[in-house]
Amino acid sequence: MKISDYLVLTDMDGTLLKVPYDIPEVNIAKVNEYGRKGGHIACCTGRSVDAVRHFTDVIHFSAPGITCNGAVIYDFNKNEPVFQMTVTENIFPLVKQIMEDFPGIGVEFHNCDGIFSPQVNDQVRSHCADEFIPYYEVTFEEIRNTIFNKVLLAAPEETIDSLMEYIESRRGSDPLYEDFDFAHSSTIYYEILPKGVSKGFAVRKLAEIMGIDISNTIAIGDFYNDIDMFNASAHTVSVADAIEDIRNMTDMTTQKTCMEGAVGELLDLIEDYCSKGQPFGS
């Protein structure tokens, strides 16, 4: 086996980098070197295209990246989407209904051009500041004819908990909710996605696009929103400081934490297996 036979998928926050500390130098060096040697590595993240693009001046993913929790596969070298799915027009009445019942909730509409917010709160401001991306304050009328890949709802943890119960109580009975899937990506974020979209869906799609057998996919992550990515990948790795549930479900755990260079450690391990002529994880 050669490193070019594998597709490596890395989560970003808590795996490749940590806000506000940025990407560890060892991860930058190893990812860039791995690509130069012919290896394929892609991000697999809930972040928007703009939020990933912020880092691509220093870190060069050698494969198109999975963004928006699987709704967009984006080639950051060519600066264009390879594949994307969009939410239906029902997103507008659905979000309006949520805003009426949760008046202080922050709303972000995401697409490949940026983040558009018809309602800004402290969580939206801090989210965009943490990810180094601008947001555009808009009205619903201004964006009604625009396509979007996902919507992120932002609020304090207790509000998000109530929102999740609210949405679950309507799914299966309110037809407005049938066009979408939902993801709890953080204690203060809840996401609305196109039906059938997930990190796992995008892993399979990216492997197909690249002509890499799914049995040669290797995923590394740290949190619950990586489970779909793990379920779709043949080999699963958690970083040393991942939550315990994730460390217990993966095939292996790195010795290094995120900020110590866990992703770099994984890439060294893959190269070591290949240099010995052994399949990864054998």
C-alpha atoms as a PDB file:
ATOM      1  CA  MET A   1       0.000   0.000   0.000  1.00  0.00           C
ATOM      2  CA  LYS A   2       1.103   3.568  -0.775  1.00  0.00           C
ATOM      3  CA  ILE A   3      -0.017   6.742   0.988  1.00  0.00           C
ATOM      4  CA  SER A   4      -1.765   7.712  -2.261  1.00  0.00           C
ATOM      5  CA  ASP A   5      -4.059   4.699  -1.801  1.00  0.00           C
ATOM      6  CA  TYR A   6      -5.614   6.260   1.316  1.00  0.00           C
ATOM      7  CA  LEU A   7      -7.992   9.149   1.892  1.00  0.00           C
ATOM      8  CA  VAL A   8      -7.464  10.798   5.293  1.00  0.00           C
ATOM      9  CA  LEU A   9     -10.310  12.868   6.724  1.00  0.00           C
ATOM     10  CA  THR A  10      -9.681  15.222   9.610  1.00  0.00           C
ATOM     11  CA  ASP A  11     -12.165  17.109  11.691  1.00  0.00           C
ATOM     12  CA  MET A  12     -11.014  20.680  12.357  1.00  0.00           C
ATOM     13  CA  ASP A  13     -12.066  22.101  15.732  1.00  0.00           C
ATOM     14  CA  GLY A  14     -10.605  20.064  18.574  1.00  0.00           C
ATOM     15  CA  THR A  15      -8.730  17.796  16.162  1.00  0.00           C
ATOM     16  CA  LEU A  16      -6.629  19.802  13.694  1.00  0.00           C
ATOM     17  CA  LEU A  17      -6.836  23.113  15.570  1.00  0.00           C
ATOM     18  CA  LYS A  18      -8.301  24.826  18.598  1.00  0.00           C
ATOM     19  CA  VAL A  19      -9.871  28.252  18.817  1.00  0.00           C
ATOM     20  CA  PRO A  20      -8.351  30.674  19.771  1.00  0.00           C
ATOM     21  CA  TYR A  21      -4.965  28.952  19.560  1.00  0.00           C
ATOM     22  CA  ASP A  22      -4.922  28.323  15.793  1.00  0.00           C
ATOM     23  CA  ILE A  23      -3.316  25.276  14.094  1.00  0.00           C
ATOM     24  CA  PRO A  24      -0.229  23.757  15.757  1.00  0.00           C
ATOM     25  CA  GLU A  25       2.859  24.216  13.578  1.00  0.00           C
ATOM     26  CA  VAL A  26       3.518  20.464  13.581  1.00  0.00           C
ATOM     27  CA  ASN A  27       0.112  19.813  11.990  1.00  0.00           C
ATOM     28  CA  ILE A  28       0.693  22.473   9.328  1.00  0.00           C
ATOM     29  CA  ALA A  29       4.104  21.025   8.452  1.00  0.00           C
ATOM     30  CA  LYS A  30       2.908  17.395   8.382  1.00  0.00           C
ATOM     31  CA  VAL A  31      -0.262  18.036   6.369  1.00  0.00           C
ATOM     32  CA  ASN A  32       1.637  20.037   3.756  1.00  0.00           C
ATOM     33  CA  GLU A  33       4.430  17.454   3.562  1.00  0.00           C
ATOM     34  CA  TYR A  34       1.917  14.599   3.292  1.00  0.00           C
ATOM     35  CA  GLY A  35       0.289  16.253   0.279  1.00  0.00           C
ATOM     36  CA  ARG A  36       3.644  16.875  -1.414  1.00  0.00           C
ATOM     37  CA  LYS A  37       4.426  13.169  -1.060  1.00  0.00           C
ATOM     38  CA  GLY A  38       1.225  12.237  -2.886  1.00  0.00           C
ATOM     39  CA  GLY A  39      -1.050  11.575   0.089  1.00  0.00           C
ATOM     40  CA  HIS A  40      -4.697  12.624   0.085  1.00  0.00           C
ATOM     41  CA  ILE A  41      -5.934  14.547   3.130  1.00  0.00           C
ATOM     42  CA  ALA A  42      -9.175  16.495   3.424  1.00  0.00           C
ATOM     43  CA  CYS A  43     -10.905  18.444   6.154  1.00  0.00           C
ATOM     44  CA  CYS A  44     -14.295  17.114   7.257  1.00  0.00           C
ATOM     45  CA  THR A  45     -15.971  19.850   9.242  1.00  0.00           C
ATOM     46  CA  GLY A  46     -19.137  21.673  10.135  1.00  0.00           C
ATOM     47  CA  ARG A  47     -17.380  24.936   9.305  1.00  0.00           C
ATOM     48  CA  SER A  48     -18.485  26.948   6.293  1.00  0.00           C
ATOM     49  CA  VAL A  49     -16.313  27.306   3.193  1.00  0.00           C
ATOM     50  CA  ASP A  50     -15.176  30.785   4.297  1.00  0.00           C
ATOM     51  CA  ALA A  51     -14.259  29.502   7.758  1.00  0.00           C
ATOM     52  CA  VAL A  52     -11.979  26.848   6.230  1.00  0.00           C
ATOM     53  CA  ARG A  53     -10.601  29.178   3.562  1.00  0.00           C
ATOM     54  CA  HIS A  54      -9.182  31.398   6.320  1.00  0.00           C
ATOM     55  CA  PHE A  55      -6.557  28.713   7.012  1.00  0.00           C
ATOM     56  CA  THR A  56      -5.721  27.598   3.493  1.00  0.00           C
ATOM     57  CA  ASP A  57      -2.966  30.162   3.055  1.00  0.00           C
ATOM     58  CA  VAL A  58      -0.877  28.146   5.522  1.00  0.00           C
ATOM     59  CA  ILE A  59      -2.290  24.622   5.387  1.00  0.00           C
ATOM     60  CA  HIS A  60      -2.834  22.964   2.026  1.00  0.00           C
ATOM     61  CA  PHE A  61      -5.373  20.150   1.879  1.00  0.00           C
ATOM     62  CA  SER A  62      -4.455  17.858  -0.994  1.00  0.00           C
ATOM     63  CA  ALA A  63      -8.055  16.652  -1.447  1.00  0.00           C
ATOM     64  CA  PRO A  64     -11.305  18.624  -1.696  1.00  0.00           C
ATOM     65  CA  GLY A  65     -12.682  19.459   1.753  1.00  0.00           C
ATOM     66  CA  ILE A  66     -15.994  18.443   3.305  1.00  0.00           C
ATOM     67  CA  THR A  67     -17.668  21.536   4.797  1.00  0.00           C
ATOM     68  CA  CYS A  68     -21.062  22.572   6.186  1.00  0.00           C
ATOM     69  CA  ASN A  69     -21.355  19.161   7.915  1.00  0.00           C
ATOM     70  CA  GLY A  70     -21.345  17.407   4.550  1.00  0.00           C
ATOM     71  CA  ALA A  71     -23.496  19.742   2.452  1.00  0.00           C
ATOM     72  CA  VAL A  72     -20.537  21.057   0.437  1.00  0.00           C
ATOM     73  CA  ILE A  73     -17.416  19.363  -0.935  1.00  0.00           C
ATOM     74  CA  TYR A  74     -15.100  22.213  -1.921  1.00  0.00           C
ATOM     75  CA  ASP A  75     -11.817  22.259  -3.818  1.00  0.00           C
ATOM     76  CA  PHE A  76      -9.793  24.954  -2.056  1.00  0.00           C
ATOM     77  CA  ASN A  77      -7.019  24.726  -4.635  1.00  0.00           C
ATOM     78  CA  LYS A  78      -9.386  25.520  -7.532  1.00  0.00           C
ATOM     79  CA  ASN A  79     -11.656  27.665  -5.333  1.00  0.00           C
ATOM     80  CA  GLU A  80     -14.864  25.978  -6.481  1.00  0.00           C
ATOM     81  CA  PRO A  81     -17.415  23.483  -5.180  1.00  0.00           C
ATOM     82  CA  VAL A  82     -17.033  19.904  -6.380  1.00  0.00           C
ATOM     83  CA  PHE A  83     -20.423  18.875  -5.028  1.00  0.00           C
ATOM     84  CA  GLN A  84     -23.089  20.579  -2.973  1.00  0.00           C
ATOM     85  CA  MET A  85     -26.596  20.097  -1.659  1.00  0.00           C
ATOM     86  CA  THR A  86     -28.926  22.946  -0.749  1.00  0.00           C
ATOM     87  CA  VAL A  87     -31.878  23.398   1.581  1.00  0.00           C
ATOM     88  CA  THR A  88     -35.325  23.814   0.026  1.00  0.00           C
ATOM     89  CA  GLU A  89     -37.375  27.025   0.006  1.00  0.00           C
ATOM     90  CA  ASN A  90     -39.259  25.684   3.039  1.00  0.00           C
ATOM     91  CA  ILE A  91     -36.255  26.819   5.069  1.00  0.00           C
ATOM     92  CA  PHE A  92     -37.585  30.386   5.129  1.00  0.00           C
ATOM     93  CA  PRO A  93     -41.002  29.738   6.760  1.00  0.00           C
ATOM     94  CA  LEU A  94     -39.371  27.162   9.049  1.00  0.00           C
ATOM     95  CA  VAL A  95     -36.756  29.605  10.341  1.00  0.00           C
ATOM     96  CA  LYS A  96     -39.328  32.397  10.666  1.00  0.00           C
ATOM     97  CA  GLN A  97     -41.457  30.109  12.823  1.00  0.00           C
ATOM     98  CA  ILE A  98     -38.466  29.288  15.043  1.00  0.00           C
ATOM     99  CA  MET A  99     -37.552  32.973  15.364  1.00  0.00           C
ATOM    100  CA  GLU A 100     -41.091  33.802  16.479  1.00  0.00           C
ATOM    101  CA  ASP A 101     -41.046  31.118  19.177  1.00  0.00           C
ATOM    102  CA  PHE A 102     -37.411  31.786  20.217  1.00  0.00           C
ATOM    103  CA  PRO A 103     -37.128  35.582  19.863  1.00  0.00           C
ATOM    104  CA  GLY A 104     -33.462  35.929  20.893  1.00  0.00           C
ATOM    105  CA  ILE A 105     -32.040  33.147  18.768  1.00  0.00           C
ATOM    106  CA  GLY A 106     -29.197  33.913  16.359  1.00  0.00           C
ATOM    107  CA  VAL A 107     -29.608  32.763  12.746  1.00  0.00           C
ATOM    108  CA  GLU A 108     -26.893  32.160  10.156  1.00  0.00           C
ATOM    109  CA  PHE A 109     -27.629  31.132   6.552  1.00  0.00           C
ATOM    110  CA  HIS A 110     -24.497  29.522   5.043  1.00  0.00           C
ATOM    111  CA  ASN A 111     -23.406  29.093   1.428  1.00  0.00           C
ATOM    112  CA  CYS A 112     -20.136  29.141  -0.527  1.00  0.00           C
ATOM    113  CA  ASP A 113     -20.162  32.947  -0.599  1.00  0.00           C
ATOM    114  CA  GLY A 114     -20.408  33.516   3.142  1.00  0.00           C
ATOM    115  CA  ILE A 115     -22.716  33.792   6.142  1.00  0.00           C
ATOM    116  CA  PHE A 116     -25.924  35.830   5.992  1.00  0.00           C
ATOM    117  CA  SER A 117     -27.768  36.649   9.203  1.00  0.00           C
ATOM    118  CA  PRO A 118     -31.338  37.943   9.461  1.00  0.00           C
ATOM    119  CA  GLN A 119     -30.989  37.942  13.271  1.00  0.00           C
ATOM    120  CA  VAL A 120     -27.690  38.553  15.056  1.00  0.00           C
ATOM    121  CA  ASN A 121     -27.058  37.785  18.731  1.00  0.00           C
ATOM    122  CA  ASP A 122     -23.973  37.429  20.938  1.00  0.00           C
ATOM    123  CA  GLN A 123     -23.457  33.808  19.862  1.00  0.00           C
ATOM    124  CA  VAL A 124     -23.451  34.749  16.158  1.00  0.00           C
ATOM    125  CA  ARG A 125     -20.951  37.541  16.805  1.00  0.00           C
ATOM    126  CA  SER A 126     -18.611  35.313  18.816  1.00  0.00           C
ATOM    127  CA  HIS A 127     -18.976  32.403  16.357  1.00  0.00           C
ATOM    128  CA  CYS A 128     -17.935  34.521  13.382  1.00  0.00           C
ATOM    129  CA  ALA A 129     -15.144  36.207  15.364  1.00  0.00           C
ATOM    130  CA  ASP A 130     -13.786  32.824  16.520  1.00  0.00           C
ATOM    131  CA  GLU A 131     -13.777  31.507  12.945  1.00  0.00           C
ATOM    132  CA  PHE A 132     -12.307  34.726  11.501  1.00  0.00           C
ATOM    133  CA  ILE A 133     -15.139  35.274   9.037  1.00  0.00           C
ATOM    134  CA  PRO A 134     -17.429  38.224   8.334  1.00  0.00           C
ATOM    135  CA  TYR A 135     -21.189  37.940   8.364  1.00  0.00           C
ATOM    136  CA  TYR A 136     -23.696  40.003   6.422  1.00  0.00           C
ATOM    137  CA  GLU A 137     -26.790  41.349   8.171  1.00  0.00           C
ATOM    138  CA  VAL A 138     -29.725  40.848   5.820  1.00  0.00           C
ATOM    139  CA  THR A 139     -33.496  40.686   5.668  1.00  0.00           C
ATOM    140  CA  PHE A 140     -35.383  37.597   4.562  1.00  0.00           C
ATOM    141  CA  GLU A 141     -36.490  39.467   1.444  1.00  0.00           C
ATOM    142  CA  GLU A 142     -32.865  40.065   0.448  1.00  0.00           C
ATOM    143  CA  ILE A 143     -31.938  36.366   0.550  1.00  0.00           C
ATOM    144  CA  ARG A 144     -35.189  34.686  -0.475  1.00  0.00           C
ATOM    145  CA  ASN A 145     -33.950  33.798  -3.981  1.00  0.00           C
ATOM    146  CA  THR A 146     -30.501  32.673  -2.816  1.00  0.00           C
ATOM    147  CA  ILE A 147     -29.454  29.036  -2.389  1.00  0.00           C
ATOM    148  CA  PHE A 148     -28.031  27.929   0.951  1.00  0.00           C
ATOM    149  CA  ASN A 149     -26.294  24.790   2.154  1.00  0.00           C
ATOM    150  CA  LYS A 150     -27.274  24.955   5.805  1.00  0.00           C
ATOM    151  CA  VAL A 151     -28.667  27.155   8.567  1.00  0.00           C
ATOM    152  CA  LEU A 152     -26.999  27.446  11.960  1.00  0.00           C
ATOM    153  CA  LEU A 153     -29.063  28.474  14.987  1.00  0.00           C
ATOM    154  CA  ALA A 154     -27.046  29.949  17.863  1.00  0.00           C
ATOM    155  CA  ALA A 155     -28.117  30.582  21.457  1.00  0.00           C
ATOM    156  CA  PRO A 156     -27.140  29.829  25.069  1.00  0.00           C
ATOM    157  CA  GLU A 157     -27.039  26.140  25.956  1.00  0.00           C
ATOM    158  CA  GLU A 158     -30.370  26.065  27.792  1.00  0.00           C
ATOM    159  CA  THR A 159     -32.107  27.673  24.806  1.00  0.00           C
ATOM    160  CA  ILE A 160     -30.570  25.166  22.394  1.00  0.00           C
ATOM    161  CA  ASP A 161     -31.753  22.314  24.650  1.00  0.00           C
ATOM    162  CA  SER A 162     -35.295  23.724  24.518  1.00  0.00           C
ATOM    163  CA  LEU A 163     -35.016  24.226  20.756  1.00  0.00           C
ATOM    164  CA  MET A 164     -34.013  20.595  20.234  1.00  0.00           C
ATOM    165  CA  GLU A 165     -37.077  19.424  22.170  1.00  0.00           C
ATOM    166  CA  TYR A 166     -39.240  21.865  20.201  1.00  0.00           C
ATOM    167  CA  ILE A 167     -37.992  20.571  16.841  1.00  0.00           C
ATOM    168  CA  GLU A 168     -38.209  16.898  17.835  1.00  0.00           C
ATOM    169  CA  SER A 169     -41.832  17.396  18.898  1.00  0.00           C
ATOM    170  CA  ARG A 170     -42.674  18.663  15.407  1.00  0.00           C
ATOM    171  CA  ARG A 171     -40.730  16.227  13.273  1.00  0.00           C
ATOM    172  CA  GLY A 172     -43.029  13.581  11.832  1.00  0.00           C
ATOM    173  CA  SER A 173     -46.139  15.685  12.358  1.00  0.00           C
ATOM    174  CA  ASP A 174     -45.386  19.081  10.797  1.00  0.00           C
ATOM    175  CA  PRO A 175     -44.671  18.774   7.027  1.00  0.00           C
ATOM    176  CA  LEU A 176     -42.508  21.908   7.194  1.00  0.00           C
ATOM    177  CA  TYR A 177     -39.837  19.836   8.967  1.00  0.00           C
ATOM    178  CA  GLU A 178     -39.747  16.909   6.553  1.00  0.00           C
ATOM    179  CA  ASP A 179     -37.339  18.506   4.054  1.00  0.00           C
ATOM    180  CA  PHE A 180     -34.479  18.730   6.541  1.00  0.00           C
ATOM    181  CA  ASP A 181     -32.102  16.924   8.831  1.00  0.00           C
ATOM    182  CA  PHE A 182     -30.813  18.432  12.072  1.00  0.00           C
ATOM    183  CA  ALA A 183     -27.450  18.277  13.851  1.00  0.00           C
ATOM    184  CA  HIS A 184     -26.385  19.301  17.352  1.00  0.00           C
ATOM    185  CA  SER A 185     -22.882  20.491  16.492  1.00  0.00           C
ATOM    186  CA  SER A 186     -22.072  22.273  19.772  1.00  0.00           C
ATOM    187  CA  THR A 187     -23.699  23.039  23.111  1.00  0.00           C
ATOM    188  CA  ILE A 188     -24.686  26.452  21.694  1.00  0.00           C
ATOM    189  CA  TYR A 189     -25.330  25.560  18.031  1.00  0.00           C
ATOM    190  CA  TYR A 190     -28.044  23.594  16.272  1.00  0.00           C
ATOM    191  CA  GLU A 191     -27.942  23.117  12.506  1.00  0.00           C
ATOM    192  CA  ILE A 192     -30.559  22.611   9.808  1.00  0.00           C
ATOM    193  CA  LEU A 193     -29.238  20.617   6.830  1.00  0.00           C
ATOM    194  CA  PRO A 194     -30.572  19.323   3.508  1.00  0.00           C
ATOM    195  CA  LYS A 195     -32.294  15.972   3.883  1.00  0.00           C
ATOM    196  CA  GLY A 196     -29.822  13.080   3.825  1.00  0.00           C
ATOM    197  CA  VAL A 197     -26.738  15.236   4.396  1.00  0.00           C
ATOM    198  CA  SER A 198     -24.131  14.297   6.984  1.00  0.00           C
ATOM    199  CA  LYS A 199     -20.380  14.025   7.314  1.00  0.00           C
ATOM    200  CA  GLY A 200     -20.730  10.306   6.588  1.00  0.00           C
ATOM    201  CA  PHE A 201     -22.694  10.924   3.402  1.00  0.00           C
ATOM    202  CA  ALA A 202     -19.970  13.313   2.225  1.00  0.00           C
ATOM    203  CA  VAL A 203     -17.140  10.895   3.093  1.00  0.00           C
ATOM    204  CA  ARG A 204     -18.670   8.276   0.794  1.00  0.00           C
ATOM    205  CA  LYS A 205     -19.293  10.888  -1.912  1.00  0.00           C
ATOM    206  CA  LEU A 206     -15.731  12.257  -1.745  1.00  0.00           C
ATOM    207  CA  ALA A 207     -14.207   8.764  -1.885  1.00  0.00           C
ATOM    208  CA  GLU A 208     -16.354   8.067  -4.961  1.00  0.00           C
ATOM    209  CA  ILE A 209     -15.294  11.345  -6.631  1.00  0.00           C
ATOM    210  CA  MET A 210     -11.621  10.586  -5.973  1.00  0.00           C
ATOM    211  CA  GLY A 211     -11.831   6.937  -6.997  1.00  0.00           C
ATOM    212  CA  ILE A 212     -10.598   5.706  -3.608  1.00  0.00           C
ATOM    213  CA  ASP A 213     -12.067   2.543  -2.152  1.00  0.00           C
ATOM    214  CA  ILE A 214     -14.046   3.232   1.022  1.00  0.00           C
ATOM    215  CA  SER A 215     -11.977   0.501   2.728  1.00  0.00           C
ATOM    216  CA  ASN A 216      -8.997   2.867   2.438  1.00  0.00           C
ATOM    217  CA  THR A 217     -10.539   5.795   4.304  1.00  0.00           C
ATOM    218  CA  ILE A 218      -9.082   6.933   7.640  1.00  0.00           C
ATOM    219  CA  ALA A 219     -10.925   9.466   9.827  1.00  0.00           C
ATOM    220  CA  ILE A 220      -9.706  11.385  12.883  1.00  0.00           C
ATOM    221  CA  GLY A 221     -11.950  13.384  15.218  1.00  0.00           C
ATOM    222  CA  ASP A 222     -12.830  14.291  18.774  1.00  0.00           C
ATOM    223  CA  PHE A 223     -16.563  14.895  19.326  1.00  0.00           C
ATOM    224  CA  TYR A 224     -20.074  13.537  18.796  1.00  0.00           C
ATOM    225  CA  ASN A 225     -20.549  15.338  15.483  1.00  0.00           C
ATOM    226  CA  ASP A 226     -17.732  13.142  14.090  1.00  0.00           C
ATOM    227  CA  ILE A 227     -19.691   9.910  14.608  1.00  0.00           C
ATOM    228  CA  ASP A 228     -21.223   9.975  11.094  1.00  0.00           C
ATOM    229  CA  MET A 229     -17.726  10.466   9.649  1.00  0.00           C
ATOM    230  CA  PHE A 230     -16.474   7.512  11.700  1.00  0.00           C
ATOM    231  CA  ASN A 231     -19.393   5.296  10.687  1.00  0.00           C
ATOM    232  CA  ALA A 232     -18.618   5.881   6.997  1.00  0.00           C
ATOM    233  CA  SER A 233     -14.841   5.384   7.293  1.00  0.00           C
ATOM    234  CA  ALA A 234     -12.940   2.105   7.384  1.00  0.00           C
ATOM    235  CA  HIS A 235     -10.423   3.206  10.045  1.00  0.00           C
ATOM    236  CA  THR A 236     -11.218   5.543  12.928  1.00  0.00           C
ATOM    237  CA  VAL A 237      -8.869   7.510  15.159  1.00  0.00           C
ATOM    238  CA  SER A 238      -9.552   9.834  18.085  1.00  0.00           C
ATOM    239  CA  VAL A 239      -7.196  12.490  19.432  1.00  0.00           C
ATOM    240  CA  ALA A 240      -5.833  12.009  22.948  1.00  0.00           C
ATOM    241  CA  ASP A 241      -8.025  14.785  24.377  1.00  0.00           C
ATOM    242  CA  ALA A 242     -11.232  13.663  22.645  1.00  0.00           C
ATOM    243  CA  ILE A 243     -14.240  13.071  24.869  1.00  0.00           C
ATOM    244  CA  GLU A 244     -14.290   9.621  26.454  1.00  0.00           C
ATOM    245  CA  ASP A 245     -17.254   8.317  24.438  1.00  0.00           C
ATOM    246  CA  ILE A 246     -15.380   9.024  21.201  1.00  0.00           C
ATOM    247  CA  ARG A 247     -12.117   7.483  22.454  1.00  0.00           C
ATOM    248  CA  ASN A 248     -14.075   4.364  23.383  1.00  0.00           C
ATOM    249  CA  MET A 249     -15.667   3.961  19.941  1.00  0.00           C
ATOM    250  CA  THR A 250     -12.626   4.482  17.674  1.00  0.00           C
ATOM    251  CA  ASP A 251     -10.100   1.877  16.539  1.00  0.00           C
ATOM    252  CA  MET A 252      -7.199   3.779  18.066  1.00  0.00           C
ATOM    253  CA  THR A 253      -6.327   6.970  19.951  1.00  0.00           C
ATOM    254  CA  THR A 254      -3.307   9.146  19.293  1.00  0.00           C
ATOM    255  CA  GLN A 255      -0.740   9.692  22.029  1.00  0.00           C
ATOM    256  CA  LYS A 256      -0.746  13.416  21.317  1.00  0.00           C
ATOM    257  CA  THR A 257      -3.514  15.906  21.983  1.00  0.00           C
ATOM    258  CA  CYS A 258      -4.877  18.236  19.322  1.00  0.00           C
ATOM    259  CA  MET A 259      -2.448  21.052  20.154  1.00  0.00           C
ATOM    260  CA  GLU A 260       0.492  18.660  20.476  1.00  0.00           C
ATOM    261  CA  GLY A 261      -0.020  17.570  16.848  1.00  0.00           C
ATOM    262  CA  ALA A 262      -2.372  14.578  16.863  1.00  0.00           C
ATOM    263  CA  VAL A 263      -3.064  14.849  13.120  1.00  0.00           C
ATOM    264  CA  GLY A 264       0.658  14.960  12.377  1.00  0.00           C
ATOM    265  CA  GLU A 265       1.121  11.856  14.530  1.00  0.00           C
ATOM    266  CA  LEU A 266      -1.522  10.010  12.490  1.00  0.00           C
ATOM    267  CA  LEU A 267       0.102  10.962   9.181  1.00  0.00           C
ATOM    268  CA  ASP A 268       3.482   9.718  10.452  1.00  0.00           C
ATOM    269  CA  LEU A 269       1.810   6.443  11.442  1.00  0.00           C
ATOM    270  CA  ILE A 270       0.240   5.980   7.999  1.00  0.00           C
ATOM    271  CA  GLU A 271       3.621   6.578   6.358  1.00  0.00           C
ATOM    272  CA  ASP A 272       5.232   4.086   8.730  1.00  0.00           C
ATOM    273  CA  TYR A 273       2.730   1.361   7.779  1.00  0.00           C
ATOM    274  CA  CYS A 274       3.244   2.108   4.077  1.00  0.00           C
ATOM    275  CA  SER A 275       7.046   2.021   4.376  1.00  0.00           C
ATOM    276  CA  LYS A 276       6.743  -1.471   5.854  1.00  0.00           C
ATOM    277  CA  GLY A 277       4.364  -2.598   3.115  1.00  0.00           C
ATOM    278  CA  GLN A 278       1.574  -3.190   5.642  1.00  0.00           C
ATOM    279  CA  PRO A 279      -2.077  -2.136   5.373  1.00  0.00           C
ATOM    280  CA  PHE A 280      -2.923   0.618   7.842  1.00  0.00           C
ATOM    281  CA  GLY A 281      -4.034  -0.740  11.215  1.00  0.00           C
ATOM    282  CA  SER A 282      -3.029  -4.332  10.474  1.00  0.00           C
END
